[in-house]
Amino acid sequence: MRTLKLATVIGLIGIGVAIGYFSAQSNVSAASDGLTAQDYADIQQLYWRYNHGADFSDGDLFVSAFTDDVVFRAGSLELNGKGEMMAWRAERDAGGTGDSGRRHWNSSYRVTPSSEGAEGRVYWLLVDVSSGTPNHIGSGYYDDVYVKTSDGWRIKRRILSSDAG
């Protein structure tokens, strides 16, 4: 009876060690993609900078999501660098400040490691809330390239695609 208990305890310890070992191996392979959970969180935070900057007419906040040498494309529009983006935002905001009455929403974040840092595709939806009844303005997706700078993760290239219709 004593031998059976000892064998059972040793067996359970062995199972525990095996589970721990294989669990650690899967965590190592998950972390080996080059991006940490913090990297994913920091990249996702770029979207609130962009959205709040646009929605509340804050050009500085808007461009803070991008690198100095950003390339931004939306249809026939192409902007190169933060200076061009800032001028474009100033023109779009027409000197206004504060709440623009628009809301950007993002979802379905797909971020993957790349040789530059990371790449992503994210859905966007734009709604006008100025009348009190939300009205759909547009939707689409961003194809982004992210790089880690001395200021943290930033968007180096954004191609904004709109859904037809």
N, C-alpha and C. Protein backbone atom coordinates (compact mmCIF):
# COMPACT_ATOMS: atom_id res chain seq x y z
N MET A 1 0.83 -1.19 0.00
CA MET A 1 0.00 0.00 0.00
C MET A 1 0.88 1.26 0.00
N ARG A 2 1.92 1.23 0.82
CA ARG A 2 2.83 2.37 0.90
C ARG A 2 3.55 2.56 -0.43
N THR A 3 3.92 1.50 -1.08
CA THR A 3 4.60 1.56 -2.37
C THR A 3 3.66 2.13 -3.44
N LEU A 4 2.40 1.77 -3.38
CA LEU A 4 1.40 2.29 -4.32
C LEU A 4 1.22 3.79 -4.15
N LYS A 5 1.17 4.28 -2.90
CA LYS A 5 1.05 5.73 -2.65
C LYS A 5 2.28 6.46 -3.16
N LEU A 6 3.45 5.90 -2.91
CA LEU A 6 4.69 6.53 -3.35
C LEU A 6 4.74 6.58 -4.88
N ALA A 7 4.34 5.51 -5.53
CA ALA A 7 4.32 5.48 -7.00
C ALA A 7 3.33 6.49 -7.55
N THR A 8 2.18 6.65 -6.88
CA THR A 8 1.17 7.61 -7.30
C THR A 8 1.71 9.03 -7.18
N VAL A 9 2.35 9.35 -6.07
CA VAL A 9 2.92 10.69 -5.85
C VAL A 9 3.98 10.98 -6.89
N ILE A 10 4.86 10.02 -7.14
CA ILE A 10 5.93 10.22 -8.13
C ILE A 10 5.31 10.41 -9.52
N GLY A 11 4.29 9.64 -9.83
CA GLY A 11 3.61 9.77 -11.11
C GLY A 11 2.97 11.14 -11.28
N LEU A 12 2.31 11.63 -10.23
CA LEU A 12 1.68 12.96 -10.29
C LEU A 12 2.72 14.06 -10.43
N ILE A 13 3.84 13.91 -9.74
CA ILE A 13 4.92 14.90 -9.87
C ILE A 13 5.45 14.89 -11.31
N GLY A 14 5.61 13.71 -11.87
CA GLY A 14 6.08 13.58 -13.25
C GLY A 14 5.12 14.23 -14.24
N ILE A 15 3.84 14.02 -14.04
CA ILE A 15 2.83 14.65 -14.90
C ILE A 15 2.90 16.17 -14.77
N GLY A 16 3.04 16.65 -13.54
CA GLY A 16 3.14 18.10 -13.32
C GLY A 16 4.36 18.70 -14.00
N VAL A 17 5.50 18.01 -13.91
CA VAL A 17 6.71 18.48 -14.57
C VAL A 17 6.52 18.49 -16.09
N ALA A 18 5.91 17.44 -16.63
CA ALA A 18 5.68 17.38 -18.08
C ALA A 18 4.76 18.50 -18.54
N ILE A 19 3.69 18.75 -17.81
CA ILE A 19 2.77 19.83 -18.16
C ILE A 19 3.49 21.18 -18.12
N GLY A 20 4.27 21.39 -17.08
CA GLY A 20 5.04 22.64 -16.96
C GLY A 20 6.02 22.82 -18.10
N TYR A 21 6.71 21.74 -18.45
CA TYR A 21 7.69 21.80 -19.53
C TYR A 21 7.03 22.16 -20.86
N PHE A 22 5.96 21.45 -21.22
CA PHE A 22 5.31 21.71 -22.50
C PHE A 22 4.62 23.06 -22.52
N SER A 23 4.12 23.49 -21.41
CA SER A 23 3.51 24.81 -21.32
C SER A 23 4.57 25.89 -21.54
N ALA A 24 5.72 25.72 -20.95
CA ALA A 24 6.81 26.69 -21.12
C ALA A 24 7.27 26.73 -22.56
N GLN A 25 7.33 25.57 -23.23
CA GLN A 25 7.74 25.53 -24.63
C GLN A 25 6.78 26.31 -25.52
N SER A 26 5.48 26.19 -25.28
CA SER A 26 4.52 26.92 -26.10
C SER A 26 4.61 28.41 -25.84
N ASN A 27 4.92 28.82 -24.61
CA ASN A 27 5.10 30.24 -24.32
C ASN A 27 6.33 30.79 -25.00
N VAL A 28 7.39 30.01 -25.07
CA VAL A 28 8.61 30.45 -25.74
C VAL A 28 8.33 30.67 -27.22
N SER A 29 7.62 29.75 -27.87
CA SER A 29 7.36 29.92 -29.29
C SER A 29 6.42 31.10 -29.53
N ALA A 30 5.48 31.36 -28.64
CA ALA A 30 4.58 32.51 -28.81
C ALA A 30 5.36 33.81 -28.68
N ALA A 31 6.33 33.86 -27.78
CA ALA A 31 7.10 35.09 -27.57
C ALA A 31 8.17 35.27 -28.64
N SER A 32 8.53 34.21 -29.37
CA SER A 32 9.62 34.31 -30.32
C SER A 32 9.21 35.01 -31.61
N ASP A 33 7.96 35.47 -31.74
CA ASP A 33 7.57 36.17 -32.96
C ASP A 33 8.14 37.58 -33.00
N GLY A 34 8.84 38.00 -31.97
CA GLY A 34 9.50 39.28 -31.98
C GLY A 34 8.68 40.41 -31.37
N LEU A 35 7.43 40.22 -31.09
CA LEU A 35 6.59 41.25 -30.48
C LEU A 35 6.11 40.76 -29.13
N THR A 36 6.16 41.64 -28.16
CA THR A 36 5.67 41.31 -26.83
C THR A 36 4.22 41.77 -26.70
N ALA A 37 3.60 41.34 -25.63
CA ALA A 37 2.23 41.81 -25.36
C ALA A 37 2.22 43.33 -25.23
N GLN A 38 3.28 43.90 -24.64
CA GLN A 38 3.36 45.36 -24.51
C GLN A 38 3.47 46.03 -25.88
N ASP A 39 4.22 45.41 -26.81
CA ASP A 39 4.31 45.96 -28.16
C ASP A 39 2.94 46.02 -28.81
N TYR A 40 2.18 44.92 -28.71
CA TYR A 40 0.84 44.91 -29.29
C TYR A 40 -0.04 45.99 -28.66
N ALA A 41 0.04 46.14 -27.35
CA ALA A 41 -0.76 47.17 -26.66
C ALA A 41 -0.33 48.58 -27.10
N ASP A 42 0.98 48.80 -27.20
CA ASP A 42 1.48 50.12 -27.60
C ASP A 42 1.06 50.46 -29.03
N ILE A 43 1.10 49.48 -29.92
CA ILE A 43 0.67 49.71 -31.31
C ILE A 43 -0.81 50.04 -31.35
N GLN A 44 -1.61 49.33 -30.58
CA GLN A 44 -3.05 49.60 -30.57
C GLN A 44 -3.33 51.01 -30.05
N GLN A 45 -2.50 51.51 -29.15
CA GLN A 45 -2.69 52.86 -28.62
C GLN A 45 -2.51 53.95 -29.67
N LEU A 46 -1.82 53.64 -30.77
CA LEU A 46 -1.66 54.64 -31.84
C LEU A 46 -3.00 55.05 -32.43
N TYR A 47 -3.96 54.14 -32.40
CA TYR A 47 -5.26 54.43 -33.01
C TYR A 47 -6.05 55.48 -32.23
N TRP A 48 -5.94 55.49 -30.91
CA TRP A 48 -6.67 56.54 -30.18
C TRP A 48 -6.03 57.89 -30.47
N ARG A 49 -4.71 57.97 -30.63
CA ARG A 49 -4.06 59.25 -30.95
C ARG A 49 -4.61 59.79 -32.27
N TYR A 50 -4.64 58.94 -33.26
CA TYR A 50 -5.13 59.31 -34.58
C TYR A 50 -6.60 59.71 -34.50
N ASN A 51 -7.42 58.86 -33.88
CA ASN A 51 -8.86 59.10 -33.83
C ASN A 51 -9.21 60.34 -33.03
N HIS A 52 -8.68 60.46 -31.83
CA HIS A 52 -9.00 61.62 -30.99
C HIS A 52 -8.45 62.90 -31.61
N GLY A 53 -7.25 62.81 -32.21
CA GLY A 53 -6.70 63.99 -32.89
C GLY A 53 -7.61 64.47 -34.00
N ALA A 54 -8.14 63.52 -34.79
CA ALA A 54 -9.05 63.88 -35.88
C ALA A 54 -10.40 64.35 -35.34
N ASP A 55 -10.95 63.63 -34.39
CA ASP A 55 -12.31 63.91 -33.90
C ASP A 55 -12.39 65.18 -33.06
N PHE A 56 -11.29 65.58 -32.44
CA PHE A 56 -11.30 66.76 -31.57
C PHE A 56 -10.36 67.85 -32.07
N SER A 57 -10.10 67.84 -33.40
CA SER A 57 -9.35 68.90 -34.09
C SER A 57 -8.04 69.23 -33.39
N ASP A 58 -7.28 68.19 -33.05
CA ASP A 58 -5.98 68.35 -32.38
C ASP A 58 -4.91 67.78 -33.30
N GLY A 59 -4.38 68.64 -34.17
CA GLY A 59 -3.40 68.21 -35.16
C GLY A 59 -2.15 67.62 -34.55
N ASP A 60 -1.68 68.21 -33.44
CA ASP A 60 -0.48 67.68 -32.80
C ASP A 60 -0.69 66.25 -32.32
N LEU A 61 -1.84 66.00 -31.70
CA LEU A 61 -2.15 64.65 -31.24
C LEU A 61 -2.28 63.71 -32.44
N PHE A 62 -2.94 64.16 -33.49
CA PHE A 62 -3.13 63.36 -34.69
C PHE A 62 -1.79 62.90 -35.26
N VAL A 63 -0.88 63.82 -35.50
CA VAL A 63 0.40 63.45 -36.12
C VAL A 63 1.33 62.72 -35.16
N SER A 64 1.06 62.76 -33.86
CA SER A 64 1.93 62.06 -32.90
C SER A 64 1.87 60.54 -33.06
N ALA A 65 0.92 60.04 -33.83
CA ALA A 65 0.83 58.60 -34.09
C ALA A 65 1.82 58.16 -35.17
N PHE A 66 2.48 59.10 -35.85
CA PHE A 66 3.27 58.80 -37.03
C PHE A 66 4.75 59.13 -36.85
N THR A 67 5.58 58.49 -37.69
CA THR A 67 7.00 58.83 -37.73
C THR A 67 7.18 60.15 -38.46
N ASP A 68 8.36 60.75 -38.32
CA ASP A 68 8.65 62.00 -39.02
C ASP A 68 8.59 61.85 -40.53
N ASP A 69 8.95 60.66 -41.03
CA ASP A 69 9.00 60.43 -42.47
C ASP A 69 7.81 59.61 -42.97
N VAL A 70 6.69 59.73 -42.32
CA VAL A 70 5.50 58.95 -42.66
C VAL A 70 5.10 59.14 -44.12
N VAL A 71 4.55 58.08 -44.69
CA VAL A 71 3.89 58.15 -45.99
C VAL A 71 2.43 57.77 -45.72
N PHE A 72 1.52 58.67 -46.10
CA PHE A 72 0.09 58.49 -45.85
C PHE A 72 -0.63 58.58 -47.18
N ARG A 73 -1.36 57.53 -47.53
CA ARG A 73 -2.11 57.52 -48.79
C ARG A 73 -3.57 57.22 -48.51
N ALA A 74 -4.44 58.02 -49.12
CA ALA A 74 -5.88 57.81 -49.04
C ALA A 74 -6.45 58.20 -50.40
N GLY A 75 -6.77 57.21 -51.22
CA GLY A 75 -7.23 57.50 -52.58
C GLY A 75 -6.14 58.19 -53.36
N SER A 76 -6.44 59.36 -53.94
CA SER A 76 -5.44 60.10 -54.72
C SER A 76 -4.56 60.99 -53.85
N LEU A 77 -4.88 61.10 -52.56
CA LEU A 77 -4.09 61.91 -51.64
C LEU A 77 -2.85 61.16 -51.20
N GLU A 78 -1.68 61.80 -51.30
CA GLU A 78 -0.47 61.23 -50.73
C GLU A 78 0.25 62.33 -49.97
N LEU A 79 0.53 62.06 -48.71
CA LEU A 79 1.25 62.99 -47.86
C LEU A 79 2.56 62.34 -47.45
N ASN A 80 3.63 63.15 -47.44
CA ASN A 80 4.95 62.64 -47.07
C ASN A 80 5.50 63.49 -45.94
N GLY A 81 5.65 62.87 -44.78
CA GLY A 81 6.22 63.55 -43.62
C GLY A 81 5.18 64.22 -42.75
N LYS A 82 5.58 64.46 -41.51
CA LYS A 82 4.67 65.07 -40.54
C LYS A 82 4.28 66.49 -40.92
N GLY A 83 5.18 67.22 -41.58
CA GLY A 83 4.87 68.58 -41.98
C GLY A 83 3.68 68.64 -42.92
N GLU A 84 3.67 67.78 -43.94
CA GLU A 84 2.54 67.74 -44.87
C GLU A 84 1.27 67.28 -44.17
N MET A 85 1.42 66.32 -43.24
CA MET A 85 0.23 65.85 -42.52
C MET A 85 -0.35 66.95 -41.65
N MET A 86 0.51 67.71 -41.00
CA MET A 86 0.04 68.79 -40.13
C MET A 86 -0.68 69.86 -40.95
N ALA A 87 -0.12 70.21 -42.12
CA ALA A 87 -0.76 71.20 -42.99
C ALA A 87 -2.12 70.69 -43.47
N TRP A 88 -2.20 69.42 -43.82
CA TRP A 88 -3.46 68.81 -44.26
C TRP A 88 -4.49 68.84 -43.14
N ARG A 89 -4.08 68.50 -41.92
CA ARG A 89 -5.01 68.53 -40.78
C ARG A 89 -5.51 69.95 -40.54
N ALA A 90 -4.61 70.93 -40.61
CA ALA A 90 -5.01 72.33 -40.39
C ALA A 90 -6.05 72.75 -41.44
N GLU A 91 -5.85 72.34 -42.68
CA GLU A 91 -6.80 72.66 -43.74
C GLU A 91 -8.14 71.96 -43.50
N ARG A 92 -8.10 70.69 -43.12
CA ARG A 92 -9.33 69.93 -42.85
C ARG A 92 -10.10 70.51 -41.67
N ASP A 93 -9.37 70.93 -40.64
CA ASP A 93 -10.02 71.49 -39.46
C ASP A 93 -10.46 72.93 -39.68
N ALA A 94 -9.98 73.55 -40.75
CA ALA A 94 -10.35 74.93 -41.11
C ALA A 94 -10.29 75.88 -39.93
N GLY A 95 -9.25 75.75 -39.14
CA GLY A 95 -9.06 76.63 -38.00
C GLY A 95 -9.91 76.30 -36.80
N GLY A 96 -10.79 75.33 -36.93
CA GLY A 96 -11.65 74.95 -35.81
C GLY A 96 -10.90 74.14 -34.77
N THR A 97 -11.37 74.21 -33.57
CA THR A 97 -10.80 73.40 -32.49
C THR A 97 -11.94 72.72 -31.75
N GLY A 98 -11.60 71.74 -30.97
CA GLY A 98 -12.61 71.04 -30.19
C GLY A 98 -13.31 69.96 -30.97
N ASP A 99 -14.48 69.59 -30.51
CA ASP A 99 -15.24 68.46 -31.03
C ASP A 99 -15.71 68.72 -32.46
N SER A 100 -15.31 67.84 -33.38
CA SER A 100 -15.70 67.99 -34.78
C SER A 100 -17.08 67.39 -35.06
N GLY A 101 -17.62 66.66 -34.10
CA GLY A 101 -18.91 66.00 -34.33
C GLY A 101 -18.78 64.69 -35.08
N ARG A 102 -17.57 64.21 -35.20
CA ARG A 102 -17.32 62.93 -35.87
C ARG A 102 -16.66 61.97 -34.91
N ARG A 103 -16.88 60.68 -35.14
CA ARG A 103 -16.27 59.65 -34.31
C ARG A 103 -15.70 58.55 -35.20
N HIS A 104 -14.44 58.24 -34.96
CA HIS A 104 -13.77 57.12 -35.62
C HIS A 104 -13.84 55.91 -34.71
N TRP A 105 -14.14 54.74 -35.27
CA TRP A 105 -14.09 53.48 -34.53
C TRP A 105 -13.19 52.53 -35.29
N ASN A 106 -12.38 51.77 -34.55
CA ASN A 106 -11.51 50.77 -35.14
C ASN A 106 -11.83 49.41 -34.54
N SER A 107 -11.60 48.37 -35.36
CA SER A 107 -11.83 47.01 -34.86
C SER A 107 -11.04 46.02 -35.70
N SER A 108 -11.09 44.77 -35.28
CA SER A 108 -10.47 43.64 -35.99
C SER A 108 -8.99 43.89 -36.26
N TYR A 109 -8.27 44.28 -35.21
CA TYR A 109 -6.85 44.55 -35.31
C TYR A 109 -6.11 43.27 -35.69
N ARG A 110 -5.33 43.33 -36.75
CA ARG A 110 -4.43 42.24 -37.10
C ARG A 110 -3.03 42.85 -37.17
N VAL A 111 -2.18 42.50 -36.24
CA VAL A 111 -0.82 43.01 -36.19
C VAL A 111 0.12 41.81 -36.23
N THR A 112 1.10 41.87 -37.13
CA THR A 112 2.06 40.78 -37.27
C THR A 112 3.47 41.35 -37.32
N PRO A 113 4.44 40.61 -36.81
CA PRO A 113 5.82 41.09 -36.87
C PRO A 113 6.31 41.16 -38.32
N SER A 114 7.23 42.07 -38.57
CA SER A 114 7.83 42.19 -39.90
C SER A 114 9.29 42.56 -39.74
N SER A 115 10.01 42.62 -40.84
CA SER A 115 11.44 42.96 -40.78
C SER A 115 11.65 44.40 -40.30
N GLU A 116 10.69 45.29 -40.55
CA GLU A 116 10.80 46.68 -40.09
C GLU A 116 10.36 46.86 -38.65
N GLY A 117 9.50 45.98 -38.19
CA GLY A 117 8.92 46.08 -36.86
C GLY A 117 7.63 45.29 -36.81
N ALA A 118 6.59 45.86 -37.46
CA ALA A 118 5.30 45.17 -37.51
C ALA A 118 4.46 45.75 -38.65
N GLU A 119 3.48 44.98 -39.07
CA GLU A 119 2.51 45.42 -40.07
C GLU A 119 1.13 45.13 -39.53
N GLY A 120 0.15 45.87 -40.02
CA GLY A 120 -1.20 45.62 -39.54
C GLY A 120 -2.27 46.03 -40.52
N ARG A 121 -3.42 45.44 -40.32
CA ARG A 121 -4.63 45.85 -41.03
C ARG A 121 -5.71 46.00 -39.97
N VAL A 122 -6.40 47.13 -40.01
CA VAL A 122 -7.41 47.46 -39.01
C VAL A 122 -8.61 48.07 -39.72
N TYR A 123 -9.80 47.63 -39.35
CA TYR A 123 -11.02 48.21 -39.91
C TYR A 123 -11.31 49.55 -39.26
N TRP A 124 -11.89 50.47 -40.02
CA TRP A 124 -12.33 51.75 -39.48
C TRP A 124 -13.76 52.04 -39.91
N LEU A 125 -14.42 52.80 -39.05
CA LEU A 125 -15.79 53.26 -39.31
C LEU A 125 -15.85 54.71 -38.85
N LEU A 126 -16.44 55.57 -39.67
CA LEU A 126 -16.56 56.99 -39.33
C LEU A 126 -18.04 57.36 -39.28
N VAL A 127 -18.43 58.00 -38.18
CA VAL A 127 -19.83 58.34 -37.93
C VAL A 127 -19.92 59.83 -37.60
N ASP A 128 -20.92 60.51 -38.15
CA ASP A 128 -21.21 61.90 -37.80
C ASP A 128 -22.24 61.88 -36.67
N VAL A 129 -21.89 62.50 -35.54
CA VAL A 129 -22.80 62.53 -34.39
C VAL A 129 -23.27 63.95 -34.09
N SER A 130 -23.00 64.88 -35.00
CA SER A 130 -23.30 66.29 -34.73
C SER A 130 -24.80 66.60 -34.68
N SER A 131 -25.62 65.78 -35.32
CA SER A 131 -27.06 66.04 -35.33
C SER A 131 -27.78 65.37 -34.16
N GLY A 132 -27.06 64.59 -33.38
CA GLY A 132 -27.68 63.86 -32.28
C GLY A 132 -28.04 62.44 -32.68
N THR A 133 -28.25 62.21 -33.96
CA THR A 133 -28.50 60.88 -34.48
C THR A 133 -27.27 60.45 -35.28
N PRO A 134 -26.57 59.42 -34.85
CA PRO A 134 -25.37 59.01 -35.58
C PRO A 134 -25.68 58.64 -37.03
N ASN A 135 -24.88 59.19 -37.94
CA ASN A 135 -25.03 58.90 -39.37
C ASN A 135 -23.70 58.38 -39.90
N HIS A 136 -23.78 57.25 -40.57
CA HIS A 136 -22.60 56.62 -41.15
C HIS A 136 -22.02 57.52 -42.24
N ILE A 137 -20.72 57.81 -42.15
CA ILE A 137 -20.04 58.61 -43.18
C ILE A 137 -19.23 57.71 -44.10
N GLY A 138 -18.51 56.78 -43.51
CA GLY A 138 -17.67 55.91 -44.33
C GLY A 138 -17.09 54.78 -43.51
N SER A 139 -16.49 53.83 -44.22
CA SER A 139 -15.82 52.71 -43.57
C SER A 139 -14.76 52.19 -44.50
N GLY A 140 -13.88 51.37 -43.96
CA GLY A 140 -12.81 50.79 -44.75
C GLY A 140 -11.79 50.14 -43.85
N TYR A 141 -10.54 50.19 -44.29
CA TYR A 141 -9.48 49.61 -43.48
C TYR A 141 -8.18 50.36 -43.72
N TYR A 142 -7.28 50.25 -42.74
CA TYR A 142 -5.93 50.80 -42.84
C TYR A 142 -4.97 49.63 -43.04
N ASP A 143 -4.02 49.78 -43.94
CA ASP A 143 -2.86 48.90 -44.01
C ASP A 143 -1.69 49.72 -43.51
N ASP A 144 -1.13 49.33 -42.38
CA ASP A 144 -0.11 50.12 -41.71
C ASP A 144 1.20 49.36 -41.57
N VAL A 145 2.29 50.12 -41.55
CA VAL A 145 3.61 49.63 -41.19
C VAL A 145 4.00 50.40 -39.93
N TYR A 146 4.40 49.66 -38.88
CA TYR A 146 4.78 50.25 -37.60
C TYR A 146 6.27 50.05 -37.37
N VAL A 147 6.90 51.06 -36.80
CA VAL A 147 8.30 50.94 -36.40
C VAL A 147 8.43 51.44 -34.97
N LYS A 148 9.41 50.89 -34.28
CA LYS A 148 9.68 51.32 -32.91
C LYS A 148 10.74 52.40 -32.96
N THR A 149 10.41 53.59 -32.47
CA THR A 149 11.31 54.73 -32.47
C THR A 149 11.74 55.03 -31.04
N SER A 150 12.54 56.06 -30.88
CA SER A 150 12.95 56.47 -29.52
C SER A 150 11.75 56.99 -28.73
N ASP A 151 10.67 57.36 -29.42
CA ASP A 151 9.43 57.82 -28.77
C ASP A 151 8.41 56.70 -28.64
N GLY A 152 8.80 55.47 -28.97
CA GLY A 152 7.87 54.35 -28.92
C GLY A 152 7.41 53.98 -30.31
N TRP A 153 6.41 53.11 -30.39
CA TRP A 153 5.89 52.66 -31.68
C TRP A 153 5.18 53.80 -32.39
N ARG A 154 5.39 53.87 -33.71
CA ARG A 154 4.74 54.87 -34.55
C ARG A 154 4.37 54.22 -35.89
N ILE A 155 3.44 54.86 -36.59
CA ILE A 155 3.04 54.40 -37.92
C ILE A 155 3.97 55.06 -38.93
N LYS A 156 4.65 54.23 -39.72
CA LYS A 156 5.58 54.72 -40.73
C LYS A 156 4.89 54.86 -42.09
N ARG A 157 3.93 53.99 -42.37
CA ARG A 157 3.18 54.07 -43.61
C ARG A 157 1.74 53.68 -43.35
N ARG A 158 0.83 54.48 -43.89
CA ARG A 158 -0.59 54.15 -43.79
C ARG A 158 -1.20 54.27 -45.18
N ILE A 159 -1.86 53.20 -45.58
CA ILE A 159 -2.67 53.23 -46.79
C ILE A 159 -4.11 53.06 -46.33
N LEU A 160 -4.90 54.10 -46.51
CA LEU A 160 -6.29 54.11 -46.07
C LEU A 160 -7.15 53.72 -47.27
N SER A 161 -7.89 52.64 -47.10
CA SER A 161 -8.81 52.18 -48.16
C SER A 161 -10.24 52.33 -47.69
N SER A 162 -11.06 52.90 -48.55
CA SER A 162 -12.48 53.08 -48.24
C SER A 162 -13.29 51.98 -48.90
N ASP A 163 -14.36 51.57 -48.21
CA ASP A 163 -15.29 50.62 -48.81
C ASP A 163 -16.09 51.34 -49.89
N ALA A 164 -16.42 50.63 -50.95
CA ALA A 164 -17.19 51.22 -52.05
C ALA A 164 -18.60 51.56 -51.58
N GLY A 165 -19.18 52.59 -52.17
CA GLY A 165 -20.56 52.91 -51.90
C GLY A 165 -20.78 53.99 -51.02
